[in-house]
Every structure is written in structure tokens, then in C-alpha cells.
């Protein structure tokens, strides 16, 4: 049973052009409240692979921690949503 699915990655690629599909998927799952262990289980990968996706994304945006990465990811998505509502 798949708990998490992104059907259309195009909005994410617009907001995060430096990230791969898998990095976006892992960050989205983290944003939805899943732990690294739960993400690994859901994607059938190891926790260290999940950590690698976080680390790669952190380096692409020159961030120092996974907390900063998650905050950045959340901010960009929220900001985009707010702009969409305001400028609709």
C-alpha cells in the first residue's frame, strides 16, 4: 500500500529547479510529517539513502542543516501558494 504519491512534479520543478524528482519526493514526504525511517520504508530504500537525498539537496541550495532545508522547502511552497491566492 503506497501512502504517498506525487502525480505531477512540474510545479515542484518550477519552484525547485535544482532538485531531482527523488529529492522532491523525499522532502515532500518529510514535510507531510513522515520520519526518515518511514520515508525509507515507503520508498523501499535505506535510511542512509534518504539522508543522502537530504544532503544532496542541502548542498544544492548551500544550506547548513536538514532543518534549514525543510524550512526553505516549506517557505518556498507557502510563499508560492500565497502569491497564487493574492494574484489570482
C-alpha atoms as a PDB file:
ATOM      1  CA  UNK A   1       0.000   0.000   0.000  1.00  0.00           C
ATOM      2  CA  UNK A   2       1.536   3.300  -1.107  1.00  0.00           C
ATOM      3  CA  UNK A   3       0.870   6.061   1.403  1.00  0.00           C
ATOM      4  CA  UNK A   4       2.353   8.967  -0.516  1.00  0.00           C
ATOM      5  CA  UNK A   5       2.229   9.832  -4.215  1.00  0.00           C
ATOM      6  CA  UNK A   6       3.003  12.958  -6.209  1.00  0.00           C
ATOM      7  CA  UNK A   7       1.195  12.747  -9.528  1.00  0.00           C
ATOM      8  CA  UNK A   8       2.543  15.940 -11.088  1.00  0.00           C
ATOM      9  CA  UNK A   9       6.086  17.085 -10.336  1.00  0.00           C
ATOM     10  CA  UNK A  10       6.022  20.087 -12.701  1.00  0.00           C
ATOM     11  CA  UNK A  11       5.060  22.668 -10.019  1.00  0.00           C
ATOM     12  CA  UNK A  12       7.883  21.369  -7.822  1.00  0.00           C
ATOM     13  CA  UNK A  13      10.395  21.566 -10.696  1.00  0.00           C
ATOM     14  CA  UNK A  14       9.348  25.194 -11.238  1.00  0.00           C
ATOM     15  CA  UNK A  15       9.870  26.040  -7.556  1.00  0.00           C
ATOM     16  CA  UNK A  16      12.967  23.873  -7.050  1.00  0.00           C
ATOM     17  CA  UNK A  17      14.834  23.608 -10.371  1.00  0.00           C
ATOM     18  CA  UNK A  18      17.994  22.271  -8.698  1.00  0.00           C
ATOM     19  CA  UNK A  19      16.297  19.239  -7.123  1.00  0.00           C
ATOM     20  CA  UNK A  20      15.808  15.794  -8.596  1.00  0.00           C
ATOM     21  CA  UNK A  21      12.451  14.064  -8.627  1.00  0.00           C
ATOM     22  CA  UNK A  22      13.529  11.796  -5.762  1.00  0.00           C
ATOM     23  CA  UNK A  23      14.829  14.697  -3.660  1.00  0.00           C
ATOM     24  CA  UNK A  24      11.497  16.461  -4.094  1.00  0.00           C
ATOM     25  CA  UNK A  25       9.652  13.279  -3.169  1.00  0.00           C
ATOM     26  CA  UNK A  26      11.730  12.777  -0.004  1.00  0.00           C
ATOM     27  CA  UNK A  27      11.346  16.423   1.066  1.00  0.00           C
ATOM     28  CA  UNK A  28       7.616  16.347   0.400  1.00  0.00           C
ATOM     29  CA  UNK A  29       7.240  13.226   2.495  1.00  0.00           C
ATOM     30  CA  UNK A  30       9.226  14.853   5.289  1.00  0.00           C
ATOM     31  CA  UNK A  31       7.040  17.963   5.004  1.00  0.00           C
ATOM     32  CA  UNK A  32       3.957  15.781   5.409  1.00  0.00           C
ATOM     33  CA  UNK A  33       5.304  14.518   8.736  1.00  0.00           C
ATOM     34  CA  UNK A  34       6.977  11.231   7.855  1.00  0.00           C
ATOM     35  CA  UNK A  35      10.236  10.397   9.621  1.00  0.00           C
ATOM     36  CA  UNK A  36      13.350   9.361   7.711  1.00  0.00           C
ATOM     37  CA  UNK A  37      12.684   5.747   8.686  1.00  0.00           C
ATOM     38  CA  UNK A  38       9.106   5.945   7.430  1.00  0.00           C
ATOM     39  CA  UNK A  39      10.284   7.564   4.178  1.00  0.00           C
ATOM     40  CA  UNK A  40      12.849   4.805   3.697  1.00  0.00           C
ATOM     41  CA  UNK A  41      10.227   2.133   4.315  1.00  0.00           C
ATOM     42  CA  UNK A  42       7.727   3.795   1.964  1.00  0.00           C
ATOM     43  CA  UNK A  43      10.283   4.153  -0.853  1.00  0.00           C
ATOM     44  CA  UNK A  44      11.928   0.791  -0.190  1.00  0.00           C
ATOM     45  CA  UNK A  45      15.358   2.380   0.316  1.00  0.00           C
ATOM     46  CA  UNK A  46      17.721   2.600   3.285  1.00  0.00           C
ATOM     47  CA  UNK A  47      17.692   5.441   5.816  1.00  0.00           C
ATOM     48  CA  UNK A  48      21.223   6.331   4.704  1.00  0.00           C
ATOM     49  CA  UNK A  49      19.909   6.774   1.145  1.00  0.00           C
ATOM     50  CA  UNK A  50      17.217   9.109   2.492  1.00  0.00           C
ATOM     51  CA  UNK A  51      19.996  11.013   4.300  1.00  0.00           C
ATOM     52  CA  UNK A  52      21.938  11.214   1.030  1.00  0.00           C
ATOM     53  CA  UNK A  53      18.938  12.805  -0.694  1.00  0.00           C
ATOM     54  CA  UNK A  54      18.686  15.368   2.121  1.00  0.00           C
ATOM     55  CA  UNK A  55      22.424  16.081   1.976  1.00  0.00           C
ATOM     56  CA  UNK A  56      22.448  16.459  -1.807  1.00  0.00           C
ATOM     57  CA  UNK A  57      19.522  18.901  -1.649  1.00  0.00           C
ATOM     58  CA  UNK A  58      21.210  20.848   1.178  1.00  0.00           C
ATOM     59  CA  UNK A  59      24.377  21.261  -0.864  1.00  0.00           C
ATOM     60  CA  UNK A  60      22.466  22.318  -3.991  1.00  0.00           C
ATOM     61  CA  UNK A  61      20.956  25.232  -2.052  1.00  0.00           C
ATOM     62  CA  UNK A  62      24.048  25.835   0.112  1.00  0.00           C
ATOM     63  CA  UNK A  63      22.211  25.159   3.370  1.00  0.00           C
ATOM     64  CA  UNK A  64      23.916  24.017   6.566  1.00  0.00           C
ATOM     65  CA  UNK A  65      21.328  21.657   8.038  1.00  0.00           C
ATOM     66  CA  UNK A  66      18.349  19.490   7.206  1.00  0.00           C
ATOM     67  CA  UNK A  67      16.253  21.818   9.414  1.00  0.00           C
ATOM     68  CA  UNK A  68      17.243  24.757   7.218  1.00  0.00           C
ATOM     69  CA  UNK A  69      16.423  22.692   4.129  1.00  0.00           C
ATOM     70  CA  UNK A  70      12.961  21.779   5.409  1.00  0.00           C
ATOM     71  CA  UNK A  71      12.319  25.401   6.423  1.00  0.00           C
ATOM     72  CA  UNK A  72      13.410  26.590   2.960  1.00  0.00           C
ATOM     73  CA  UNK A  73      11.238  23.968   1.241  1.00  0.00           C
ATOM     74  CA  UNK A  74       8.207  24.920   3.373  1.00  0.00           C
ATOM     75  CA  UNK A  75       8.756  28.662   2.898  1.00  0.00           C
ATOM     76  CA  UNK A  76       9.010  28.436  -0.893  1.00  0.00           C
ATOM     77  CA  UNK A  77       5.850  26.318  -1.125  1.00  0.00           C
ATOM     78  CA  UNK A  78       3.886  28.580   1.254  1.00  0.00           C
ATOM     79  CA  UNK A  79       5.100  31.745  -0.465  1.00  0.00           C
ATOM     80  CA  UNK A  80       4.116  30.340  -3.854  1.00  0.00           C
ATOM     81  CA  UNK A  81       0.667  29.387  -2.544  1.00  0.00           C
ATOM     82  CA  UNK A  82       0.102  32.834  -1.022  1.00  0.00           C
ATOM     83  CA  UNK A  83       1.151  34.568  -4.256  1.00  0.00           C
ATOM     84  CA  UNK A  84      -1.174  32.301  -6.216  1.00  0.00           C
ATOM     85  CA  UNK A  85      -4.110  33.331  -3.983  1.00  0.00           C
ATOM     86  CA  UNK A  86      -3.255  37.044  -3.963  1.00  0.00           C
ATOM     87  CA  UNK A  87      -2.581  37.389  -7.687  1.00  0.00           C
ATOM     88  CA  UNK A  88      -5.359  35.080  -8.858  1.00  0.00           C
END
